[in-house]
Amino acid sequence: MEEDICYVITLNPTEQDRRDMEIIRAHVKHLQELEGKGQLMLCGPFADSPGGMVIIRADSREEAVAIAERDPYVTSGIRSYEVRTWGLSHAGNKHMGIAE
């Protein structure tokens, strides 16, 4: 896993969206498994619109897509997803080599 690359998975409601506690619990279990592997960085629902976001570390974009496709929210059809590759900017990498 490249230290300064993460993947952002946005989870967006579909027309089949519904509040189903069984699916929600399975989604949380999926997140806990990612956390146990050290891959989960942050996650949670949006406060100002439907849906949510999961930020993970993965060895490749393909692995990030596979993780998104295993999410019970996605497999149940109540959420669609988008995976974005996110380069981290921080003091440790001199804000992507730009800071002095």
PDB file of N, CA and C in Angstrom:
ATOM      1  N   MET A   1       0.838  -1.183   0.000  1.00  0.00           N
ATOM      2  CA  MET A   1       0.000   0.000   0.000  1.00  0.00           C
ATOM      3  C   MET A   1       0.879   1.241   0.000  1.00  0.00           C
ATOM      4  N   GLU A   2       0.641   2.115  -0.948  1.00  0.00           N
ATOM      5  CA  GLU A   2       1.401   3.359  -0.967  1.00  0.00           C
ATOM      6  C   GLU A   2       0.927   4.238   0.176  1.00  0.00           C
ATOM      7  N   GLU A   3       1.851   4.747   0.930  1.00  0.00           N
ATOM      8  CA  GLU A   3       1.578   5.510   2.154  1.00  0.00           C
ATOM      9  C   GLU A   3       0.706   6.737   1.916  1.00  0.00           C
ATOM     10  N   ASP A   4       0.897   7.419   0.789  1.00  0.00           N
ATOM     11  CA  ASP A   4       0.199   8.681   0.569  1.00  0.00           C
ATOM     12  C   ASP A   4      -0.977   8.571  -0.401  1.00  0.00           C
ATOM     13  N   ILE A   5      -1.463   7.378  -0.624  1.00  0.00           N
ATOM     14  CA  ILE A   5      -2.633   7.161  -1.477  1.00  0.00           C
ATOM     15  C   ILE A   5      -3.702   6.422  -0.683  1.00  0.00           C
ATOM     16  N   CYS A   6      -4.921   6.929  -0.756  1.00  0.00           N
ATOM     17  CA  CYS A   6      -6.088   6.262  -0.169  1.00  0.00           C
ATOM     18  C   CYS A   6      -7.166   6.195  -1.230  1.00  0.00           C
ATOM     19  N   TYR A   7      -8.219   5.518  -0.912  1.00  0.00           N
ATOM     20  CA  TYR A   7      -9.353   5.415  -1.820  1.00  0.00           C
ATOM     21  C   TYR A   7     -10.604   5.843  -1.074  1.00  0.00           C
ATOM     22  N   VAL A   8     -11.371   6.698  -1.726  1.00  0.00           N
ATOM     23  CA  VAL A   8     -12.615   7.203  -1.173  1.00  0.00           C
ATOM     24  C   VAL A   8     -13.753   6.495  -1.892  1.00  0.00           C
ATOM     25  N   ILE A   9     -14.592   5.836  -1.115  1.00  0.00           N
ATOM     26  CA  ILE A   9     -15.771   5.159  -1.667  1.00  0.00           C
ATOM     27  C   ILE A   9     -16.981   5.960  -1.224  1.00  0.00           C
ATOM     28  N   THR A  10     -17.689   6.534  -2.188  1.00  0.00           N
ATOM     29  CA  THR A  10     -18.942   7.200  -1.842  1.00  0.00           C
ATOM     30  C   THR A  10     -20.073   6.208  -2.068  1.00  0.00           C
ATOM     31  N   LEU A  11     -20.991   6.184  -1.125  1.00  0.00           N
ATOM     32  CA  LEU A  11     -22.143   5.282  -1.184  1.00  0.00           C
ATOM     33  C   LEU A  11     -23.394   6.139  -1.328  1.00  0.00           C
ATOM     34  N   ASN A  12     -24.063   5.982  -2.460  1.00  0.00           N
ATOM     35  CA  ASN A  12     -25.198   6.834  -2.798  1.00  0.00           C
ATOM     36  C   ASN A  12     -26.491   6.025  -2.857  1.00  0.00           C
ATOM     37  N   PRO A  13     -27.578   6.548  -2.295  1.00  0.00           N
ATOM     38  CA  PRO A  13     -28.854   5.825  -2.308  1.00  0.00           C
ATOM     39  C   PRO A  13     -29.325   5.552  -3.738  1.00  0.00           C
ATOM     40  N   THR A  14     -29.913   4.394  -3.939  1.00  0.00           N
ATOM     41  CA  THR A  14     -30.527   4.046  -5.218  1.00  0.00           C
ATOM     42  C   THR A  14     -32.049   4.124  -5.062  1.00  0.00           C
ATOM     43  N   GLU A  15     -32.757   3.827  -6.118  1.00  0.00           N
ATOM     44  CA  GLU A  15     -34.223   3.805  -6.048  1.00  0.00           C
ATOM     45  C   GLU A  15     -34.724   2.714  -5.107  1.00  0.00           C
ATOM     46  N   GLN A  16     -33.904   1.708  -4.842  1.00  0.00           N
ATOM     47  CA  GLN A  16     -34.293   0.623  -3.929  1.00  0.00           C
ATOM     48  C   GLN A  16     -33.944   0.925  -2.470  1.00  0.00           C
ATOM     49  N   ASP A  17     -33.495   2.144  -2.208  1.00  0.00           N
ATOM     50  CA  ASP A  17     -33.067   2.510  -0.853  1.00  0.00           C
ATOM     51  C   ASP A  17     -34.189   2.272   0.154  1.00  0.00           C
ATOM     52  N   ARG A  18     -33.819   1.705   1.269  1.00  0.00           N
ATOM     53  CA  ARG A  18     -34.747   1.477   2.374  1.00  0.00           C
ATOM     54  C   ARG A  18     -33.930   1.281   3.640  1.00  0.00           C
ATOM     55  N   ARG A  19     -34.544   1.518   4.765  1.00  0.00           N
ATOM     56  CA  ARG A  19     -33.869   1.295   6.053  1.00  0.00           C
ATOM     57  C   ARG A  19     -34.106  -0.159   6.443  1.00  0.00           C
ATOM     58  N   ASP A  20     -33.070  -0.949   6.354  1.00  0.00           N
ATOM     59  CA  ASP A  20     -33.148  -2.382   6.627  1.00  0.00           C
ATOM     60  C   ASP A  20     -32.034  -2.711   7.624  1.00  0.00           C
ATOM     61  N   MET A  21     -32.417  -2.972   8.862  1.00  0.00           N
ATOM     62  CA  MET A  21     -31.412  -3.179   9.920  1.00  0.00           C
ATOM     63  C   MET A  21     -30.500  -4.371   9.638  1.00  0.00           C
ATOM     64  N   GLU A  22     -30.980  -5.383   8.971  1.00  0.00           N
ATOM     65  CA  GLU A  22     -30.131  -6.528   8.645  1.00  0.00           C
ATOM     66  C   GLU A  22     -29.006  -6.095   7.699  1.00  0.00           C
ATOM     67  N   ILE A  23     -29.348  -5.298   6.697  1.00  0.00           N
ATOM     68  CA  ILE A  23     -28.335  -4.800   5.754  1.00  0.00           C
ATOM     69  C   ILE A  23     -27.388  -3.830   6.460  1.00  0.00           C
ATOM     70  N   ILE A  24     -27.930  -2.973   7.307  1.00  0.00           N
ATOM     71  CA  ILE A  24     -27.094  -2.012   8.037  1.00  0.00           C
ATOM     72  C   ILE A  24     -26.090  -2.748   8.918  1.00  0.00           C
ATOM     73  N   ARG A  25     -26.549  -3.774   9.639  1.00  0.00           N
ATOM     74  CA  ARG A  25     -25.633  -4.546  10.491  1.00  0.00           C
ATOM     75  C   ARG A  25     -24.556  -5.243   9.650  1.00  0.00           C
ATOM     76  N   ALA A  26     -24.938  -5.766   8.496  1.00  0.00           N
ATOM     77  CA  ALA A  26     -23.958  -6.423   7.619  1.00  0.00           C
ATOM     78  C   ALA A  26     -22.946  -5.402   7.097  1.00  0.00           C
ATOM     79  N   HIS A  27     -23.409  -4.199   6.785  1.00  0.00           N
ATOM     80  CA  HIS A  27     -22.513  -3.123   6.340  1.00  0.00           C
ATOM     81  C   HIS A  27     -21.508  -2.789   7.448  1.00  0.00           C
ATOM     82  N   VAL A  28     -21.992  -2.658   8.674  1.00  0.00           N
ATOM     83  CA  VAL A  28     -21.104  -2.356   9.806  1.00  0.00           C
ATOM     84  C   VAL A  28     -20.099  -3.487  10.007  1.00  0.00           C
ATOM     85  N   LYS A  29     -20.526  -4.733   9.862  1.00  0.00           N
ATOM     86  CA  LYS A  29     -19.600  -5.871   9.984  1.00  0.00           C
ATOM     87  C   LYS A  29     -18.514  -5.784   8.907  1.00  0.00           C
ATOM     88  N   HIS A  30     -18.911  -5.421   7.697  1.00  0.00           N
ATOM     89  CA  HIS A  30     -17.953  -5.229   6.596  1.00  0.00           C
ATOM     90  C   HIS A  30     -16.913  -4.172   6.987  1.00  0.00           C
ATOM     91  N   LEU A  31     -17.388  -3.054   7.566  1.00  0.00           N
ATOM     92  CA  LEU A  31     -16.478  -1.992   8.000  1.00  0.00           C
ATOM     93  C   LEU A  31     -15.548  -2.485   9.107  1.00  0.00           C
ATOM     94  N   GLN A  32     -16.081  -3.261  10.041  1.00  0.00           N
ATOM     95  CA  GLN A  32     -15.268  -3.790  11.138  1.00  0.00           C
ATOM     96  C   GLN A  32     -14.186  -4.725  10.606  1.00  0.00           C
ATOM     97  N   GLU A  33     -14.504  -5.502   9.582  1.00  0.00           N
ATOM     98  CA  GLU A  33     -13.504  -6.389   8.980  1.00  0.00           C
ATOM     99  C   GLU A  33     -12.384  -5.574   8.340  1.00  0.00           C
ATOM    100  N   LEU A  34     -12.750  -4.490   7.639  1.00  0.00           N
ATOM    101  CA  LEU A  34     -11.732  -3.617   7.055  1.00  0.00           C
ATOM    102  C   LEU A  34     -10.868  -2.995   8.149  1.00  0.00           C
ATOM    103  N   GLU A  35     -11.515  -2.589   9.231  1.00  0.00           N
ATOM    104  CA  GLU A  35     -10.784  -1.997  10.359  1.00  0.00           C
ATOM    105  C   GLU A  35      -9.818  -3.013  10.963  1.00  0.00           C
ATOM    106  N   GLY A  36     -10.267  -4.251  11.108  1.00  0.00           N
ATOM    107  CA  GLY A  36      -9.425  -5.304  11.659  1.00  0.00           C
ATOM    108  C   GLY A  36      -8.198  -5.589  10.809  1.00  0.00           C
ATOM    109  N   LYS A  37      -8.299  -5.351   9.494  1.00  0.00           N
ATOM    110  CA  LYS A  37      -7.175  -5.541   8.578  1.00  0.00           C
ATOM    111  C   LYS A  37      -6.303  -4.291   8.465  1.00  0.00           C
ATOM    112  N   GLY A  38      -6.692  -3.236   9.162  1.00  0.00           N
ATOM    113  CA  GLY A  38      -5.939  -1.990   9.093  1.00  0.00           C
ATOM    114  C   GLY A  38      -6.196  -1.185   7.834  1.00  0.00           C
ATOM    115  N   GLN A  39      -7.274  -1.482   7.133  1.00  0.00           N
ATOM    116  CA  GLN A  39      -7.560  -0.786   5.882  1.00  0.00           C
ATOM    117  C   GLN A  39      -8.515   0.389   6.038  1.00  0.00           C
ATOM    118  N   LEU A  40      -9.357   0.381   7.044  1.00  0.00           N
ATOM    119  CA  LEU A  40     -10.342   1.438   7.220  1.00  0.00           C
ATOM    120  C   LEU A  40      -9.694   2.648   7.876  1.00  0.00           C
ATOM    121  N   MET A  41      -9.834   3.793   7.244  1.00  0.00           N
ATOM    122  CA  MET A  41      -9.303   5.030   7.820  1.00  0.00           C
ATOM    123  C   MET A  41     -10.418   5.840   8.477  1.00  0.00           C
ATOM    124  N   LEU A  42     -11.461   6.116   7.732  1.00  0.00           N
ATOM    125  CA  LEU A  42     -12.604   6.889   8.219  1.00  0.00           C
ATOM    126  C   LEU A  42     -13.855   6.407   7.506  1.00  0.00           C
ATOM    127  N   CYS A  43     -15.001   6.597   8.142  1.00  0.00           N
ATOM    128  CA  CYS A  43     -16.254   6.277   7.473  1.00  0.00           C
ATOM    129  C   CYS A  43     -17.400   6.952   8.202  1.00  0.00           C
ATOM    130  N   GLY A  44     -18.506   7.100   7.506  1.00  0.00           N
ATOM    131  CA  GLY A  44     -19.695   7.636   8.142  1.00  0.00           C
ATOM    132  C   GLY A  44     -20.668   8.209   7.134  1.00  0.00           C
ATOM    133  N   PRO A  45     -21.895   8.457   7.615  1.00  0.00           N
ATOM    134  CA  PRO A  45     -22.917   9.045   6.746  1.00  0.00           C
ATOM    135  C   PRO A  45     -22.704  10.545   6.592  1.00  0.00           C
ATOM    136  N   PHE A  46     -23.198  11.095   5.502  1.00  0.00           N
ATOM    137  CA  PHE A  46     -23.178  12.540   5.322  1.00  0.00           C
ATOM    138  C   PHE A  46     -24.253  13.146   6.218  1.00  0.00           C
ATOM    139  N   ALA A  47     -23.955  14.276   6.833  1.00  0.00           N
ATOM    140  CA  ALA A  47     -24.913  14.959   7.703  1.00  0.00           C
ATOM    141  C   ALA A  47     -25.841  15.877   6.911  1.00  0.00           C
ATOM    142  N   ASP A  48     -25.429  16.266   5.700  1.00  0.00           N
ATOM    143  CA  ASP A  48     -26.208  17.244   4.946  1.00  0.00           C
ATOM    144  C   ASP A  48     -26.856  16.698   3.677  1.00  0.00           C
ATOM    145  N   SER A  49     -26.718  15.404   3.432  1.00  0.00           N
ATOM    146  CA  SER A  49     -27.355  14.790   2.258  1.00  0.00           C
ATOM    147  C   SER A  49     -27.363  13.280   2.442  1.00  0.00           C
ATOM    148  N   PRO A  50     -28.187  12.570   1.677  1.00  0.00           N
ATOM    149  CA  PRO A  50     -28.222  11.104   1.802  1.00  0.00           C
ATOM    150  C   PRO A  50     -26.899  10.467   1.364  1.00  0.00           C
ATOM    151  N   GLY A  51     -26.616   9.300   1.906  1.00  0.00           N
ATOM    152  CA  GLY A  51     -25.422   8.560   1.521  1.00  0.00           C
ATOM    153  C   GLY A  51     -24.309   8.713   2.538  1.00  0.00           C
ATOM    154  N   GLY A  52     -23.139   8.230   2.159  1.00  0.00           N
ATOM    155  CA  GLY A  52     -22.008   8.280   3.064  1.00  0.00           C
ATOM    156  C   GLY A  52     -20.705   8.033   2.335  1.00  0.00           C
ATOM    157  N   MET A  53     -19.636   7.932   3.115  1.00  0.00           N
ATOM    158  CA  MET A  53     -18.306   7.800   2.548  1.00  0.00           C
ATOM    159  C   MET A  53     -17.469   6.857   3.402  1.00  0.00           C
ATOM    160  N   VAL A  54     -16.635   6.075   2.739  1.00  0.00           N
ATOM    161  CA  VAL A  54     -15.696   5.166   3.392  1.00  0.00           C
ATOM    162  C   VAL A  54     -14.323   5.463   2.798  1.00  0.00           C
ATOM    163  N   ILE A  55     -13.354   5.747   3.638  1.00  0.00           N
ATOM    164  CA  ILE A  55     -11.988   6.004   3.171  1.00  0.00           C
ATOM    165  C   ILE A  55     -11.120   4.831   3.614  1.00  0.00           C
ATOM    166  N   ILE A  56     -10.465   4.212   2.645  1.00  0.00           N
ATOM    167  CA  ILE A  56      -9.686   3.002   2.915  1.00  0.00           C
ATOM    168  C   ILE A  56      -8.279   3.109   2.340  1.00  0.00           C
ATOM    169  N   ARG A  57      -7.438   2.234   2.826  1.00  0.00           N
ATOM    170  CA  ARG A  57      -6.131   1.972   2.211  1.00  0.00           C
ATOM    171  C   ARG A  57      -6.264   0.633   1.481  1.00  0.00           C
ATOM    172  N   ALA A  58      -5.702   0.569   0.294  1.00  0.00           N
ATOM    173  CA  ALA A  58      -5.715  -0.662  -0.494  1.00  0.00           C
ATOM    174  C   ALA A  58      -4.462  -0.682  -1.353  1.00  0.00           C
ATOM    175  N   ASP A  59      -4.088  -1.861  -1.833  1.00  0.00           N
ATOM    176  CA  ASP A  59      -2.887  -1.986  -2.651  1.00  0.00           C
ATOM    177  C   ASP A  59      -3.074  -1.432  -4.056  1.00  0.00           C
ATOM    178  N   SER A  60      -4.339  -1.318  -4.504  1.00  0.00           N
ATOM    179  CA  SER A  60      -4.610  -0.830  -5.856  1.00  0.00           C
ATOM    180  C   SER A  60      -6.052  -0.350  -5.945  1.00  0.00           C
ATOM    181  N   ARG A  61      -6.332   0.382  -7.009  1.00  0.00           N
ATOM    182  CA  ARG A  61      -7.704   0.821  -7.250  1.00  0.00           C
ATOM    183  C   ARG A  61      -8.608  -0.397  -7.457  1.00  0.00           C
ATOM    184  N   GLU A  62      -8.083  -1.413  -8.114  1.00  0.00           N
ATOM    185  CA  GLU A  62      -8.860  -2.634  -8.347  1.00  0.00           C
ATOM    186  C   GLU A  62      -9.270  -3.285  -7.025  1.00  0.00           C
ATOM    187  N   GLU A  63      -8.353  -3.301  -6.058  1.00  0.00           N
ATOM    188  CA  GLU A  63      -8.696  -3.847  -4.749  1.00  0.00           C
ATOM    189  C   GLU A  63      -9.761  -2.976  -4.072  1.00  0.00           C
ATOM    190  N   ALA A  64      -9.644  -1.660  -4.206  1.00  0.00           N
ATOM    191  CA  ALA A  64     -10.641  -0.756  -3.620  1.00  0.00           C
ATOM    192  C   ALA A  64     -12.019  -0.988  -4.238  1.00  0.00           C
ATOM    193  N   VAL A  65     -12.069  -1.199  -5.534  1.00  0.00           N
ATOM    194  CA  VAL A  65     -13.343  -1.488  -6.212  1.00  0.00           C
ATOM    195  C   VAL A  65     -13.906  -2.805  -5.692  1.00  0.00           C
ATOM    196  N   ALA A  66     -13.065  -3.810  -5.551  1.00  0.00           N
ATOM    197  CA  ALA A  66     -13.535  -5.108  -5.034  1.00  0.00           C
ATOM    198  C   ALA A  66     -14.098  -4.963  -3.621  1.00  0.00           C
ATOM    199  N   ILE A  67     -13.458  -4.140  -2.799  1.00  0.00           N
ATOM    200  CA  ILE A  67     -13.951  -3.894  -1.438  1.00  0.00           C
ATOM    201  C   ILE A  67     -15.313  -3.221  -1.503  1.00  0.00           C
ATOM    202  N   ALA A  68     -15.449  -2.217  -2.360  1.00  0.00           N
ATOM    203  CA  ALA A  68     -16.740  -1.528  -2.504  1.00  0.00           C
ATOM    204  C   ALA A  68     -17.818  -2.495  -2.978  1.00  0.00           C
ATOM    205  N   GLU A  69     -17.475  -3.361  -3.904  1.00  0.00           N
ATOM    206  CA  GLU A  69     -18.459  -4.294  -4.462  1.00  0.00           C
ATOM    207  C   GLU A  69     -18.862  -5.386  -3.469  1.00  0.00           C
ATOM    208  N   ARG A  70     -18.064  -5.602  -2.420  1.00  0.00           N
ATOM    209  CA  ARG A  70     -18.424  -6.575  -1.375  1.00  0.00           C
ATOM    210  C   ARG A  70     -19.303  -5.966  -0.282  1.00  0.00           C
ATOM    211  N   ASP A  71     -19.409  -4.639  -0.251  1.00  0.00           N
ATOM    212  CA  ASP A  71     -20.183  -3.966   0.789  1.00  0.00           C
ATOM    213  C   ASP A  71     -21.653  -4.387   0.676  1.00  0.00           C
ATOM    214  N   PRO A  72     -22.248  -4.852   1.761  1.00  0.00           N
ATOM    215  CA  PRO A  72     -23.656  -5.264   1.724  1.00  0.00           C
ATOM    216  C   PRO A  72     -24.610  -4.164   1.256  1.00  0.00           C
ATOM    217  N   TYR A  73     -24.274  -2.910   1.482  1.00  0.00           N
ATOM    218  CA  TYR A  73     -25.094  -1.829   0.924  1.00  0.00           C
ATOM    219  C   TYR A  73     -25.141  -1.937  -0.599  1.00  0.00           C
ATOM    220  N   VAL A  74     -24.014  -2.271  -1.215  1.00  0.00           N
ATOM    221  CA  VAL A  74     -23.929  -2.374  -2.671  1.00  0.00           C
ATOM    222  C   VAL A  74     -24.532  -3.692  -3.157  1.00  0.00           C
ATOM    223  N   THR A  75     -24.177  -4.811  -2.510  1.00  0.00           N
ATOM    224  CA  THR A  75     -24.684  -6.107  -2.972  1.00  0.00           C
ATOM    225  C   THR A  75     -26.198  -6.205  -2.827  1.00  0.00           C
ATOM    226  N   SER A  76     -26.771  -5.473  -1.864  1.00  0.00           N
ATOM    227  CA  SER A  76     -28.228  -5.496  -1.679  1.00  0.00           C
ATOM    228  C   SER A  76     -28.945  -4.599  -2.682  1.00  0.00           C
ATOM    229  N   GLY A  77     -28.210  -3.702  -3.320  1.00  0.00           N
ATOM    230  CA  GLY A  77     -28.803  -2.799  -4.302  1.00  0.00           C
ATOM    231  C   GLY A  77     -29.341  -1.502  -3.724  1.00  0.00           C
ATOM    232  N   ILE A  78     -29.184  -1.269  -2.400  1.00  0.00           N
ATOM    233  CA  ILE A  78     -29.723  -0.028  -1.838  1.00  0.00           C
ATOM    234  C   ILE A  78     -28.759   1.150  -1.973  1.00  0.00           C
ATOM    235  N   ARG A  79     -27.510   0.862  -2.343  1.00  0.00           N
ATOM    236  CA  ARG A  79     -26.533   1.919  -2.583  1.00  0.00           C
ATOM    237  C   ARG A  79     -25.748   1.607  -3.855  1.00  0.00           C
ATOM    238  N   SER A  80     -25.429   2.649  -4.593  1.00  0.00           N
ATOM    239  CA  SER A  80     -24.445   2.549  -5.663  1.00  0.00           C
ATOM    240  C   SER A  80     -23.145   3.117  -5.086  1.00  0.00           C
ATOM    241  N   TYR A  81     -22.067   2.968  -5.799  1.00  0.00           N
ATOM    242  CA  TYR A  81     -20.788   3.455  -5.266  1.00  0.00           C
ATOM    243  C   TYR A  81     -19.971   4.123  -6.354  1.00  0.00           C
ATOM    244  N   GLU A  82     -19.037   4.932  -5.909  1.00  0.00           N
ATOM    245  CA  GLU A  82     -18.008   5.504  -6.764  1.00  0.00           C
ATOM    246  C   GLU A  82     -16.709   5.404  -5.984  1.00  0.00           C
ATOM    247  N   VAL A  83     -15.638   4.997  -6.651  1.00  0.00           N
ATOM    248  CA  VAL A  83     -14.316   4.917  -6.016  1.00  0.00           C
ATOM    249  C   VAL A  83     -13.442   6.015  -6.610  1.00  0.00           C
ATOM    250  N   ARG A  84     -12.836   6.787  -5.730  1.00  0.00           N
ATOM    251  CA  ARG A  84     -11.916   7.846  -6.146  1.00  0.00           C
ATOM    252  C   ARG A  84     -10.561   7.584  -5.507  1.00  0.00           C
ATOM    253  N   THR A  85      -9.490   7.805  -6.260  1.00  0.00           N
ATOM    254  CA  THR A  85      -8.130   7.698  -5.740  1.00  0.00           C
ATOM    255  C   THR A  85      -7.770   9.059  -5.154  1.00  0.00           C
ATOM    256  N   TRP A  86      -7.294   9.039  -3.908  1.00  0.00           N
ATOM    257  CA  TRP A  86      -7.062  10.283  -3.171  1.00  0.00           C
ATOM    258  C   TRP A  86      -5.606  10.360  -2.732  1.00  0.00           C
ATOM    259  N   GLY A  87      -4.898  11.357  -3.226  1.00  0.00           N
ATOM    260  CA  GLY A  87      -3.522  11.601  -2.797  1.00  0.00           C
ATOM    261  C   GLY A  87      -3.535  12.461  -1.547  1.00  0.00           C
ATOM    262  N   LEU A  88      -2.849  12.011  -0.515  1.00  0.00           N
ATOM    263  CA  LEU A  88      -2.836  12.735   0.750  1.00  0.00           C
ATOM    264  C   LEU A  88      -1.751  13.806   0.754  1.00  0.00           C
ATOM    265  N   SER A  89      -2.127  14.990   1.173  1.00  0.00           N
ATOM    266  CA  SER A  89      -1.211  16.109   1.307  1.00  0.00           C
ATOM    267  C   SER A  89      -1.026  16.393   2.794  1.00  0.00           C
ATOM    268  N   HIS A  90       0.225  16.353   3.253  1.00  0.00           N
ATOM    269  CA  HIS A  90       0.502  16.588   4.670  1.00  0.00           C
ATOM    270  C   HIS A  90       1.954  17.022   4.841  1.00  0.00           C
ATOM    271  N   ALA A  91       2.275  17.478   6.034  1.00  0.00           N
ATOM    272  CA  ALA A  91       3.623  17.968   6.314  1.00  0.00           C
ATOM    273  C   ALA A  91       4.684  16.906   6.029  1.00  0.00           C
ATOM    274  N   GLY A  92       4.367  15.639   6.312  1.00  0.00           N
ATOM    275  CA  GLY A  92       5.343  14.563   6.123  1.00  0.00           C
ATOM    276  C   GLY A  92       5.793  14.381   4.696  1.00  0.00           C
ATOM    277  N   ASN A  93       4.925  14.708   3.725  1.00  0.00           N
ATOM    278  CA  ASN A  93       5.340  14.618   2.317  1.00  0.00           C
ATOM    279  C   ASN A  93       5.476  16.020   1.690  1.00  0.00           C
ATOM    280  N   LYS A  94       5.667  17.010   2.590  1.00  0.00           N
ATOM    281  CA  LYS A  94       5.829  18.420   2.184  1.00  0.00           C
ATOM    282  C   LYS A  94       4.680  18.838   1.269  1.00  0.00           C
ATOM    283  N   HIS A  95       3.500  18.453   1.678  1.00  0.00           N
ATOM    284  CA  HIS A  95       2.284  18.769   0.917  1.00  0.00           C
ATOM    285  C   HIS A  95       2.489  18.460  -0.570  1.00  0.00           C
ATOM    286  N   MET A  96       2.768  17.157  -0.759  1.00  0.00           N
ATOM    287  CA  MET A  96       2.960  16.585  -2.099  1.00  0.00           C
ATOM    288  C   MET A  96       4.163  17.202  -2.826  1.00  0.00           C
ATOM    289  N   GLY A  97       5.184  17.551  -2.024  1.00  0.00           N
ATOM    290  CA  GLY A  97       6.437  18.059  -2.588  1.00  0.00           C
ATOM    291  C   GLY A  97       6.414  19.533  -2.957  1.00  0.00           C
ATOM    292  N   ILE A  98       5.361  20.243  -2.582  1.00  0.00           N
ATOM    293  CA  ILE A  98       5.257  21.644  -2.981  1.00  0.00           C
ATOM    294  C   ILE A  98       5.728  22.597  -1.889  1.00  0.00           C
ATOM    295  N   ALA A  99       5.499  22.229  -0.623  1.00  0.00           N
ATOM    296  CA  ALA A  99       5.885  23.113   0.477  1.00  0.00           C
ATOM    297  C   ALA A  99       7.405  23.133   0.649  1.00  0.00           C
ATOM    298  N   GLU A 100       7.885  24.195   1.201  1.00  0.00           N
ATOM    299  CA  GLU A 100       9.339  24.313   1.438  1.00  0.00           C
ATOM    300  C   GLU A 100       9.694  23.727   2.776  1.00  0.00           C
TER     301      GLU A 100
END
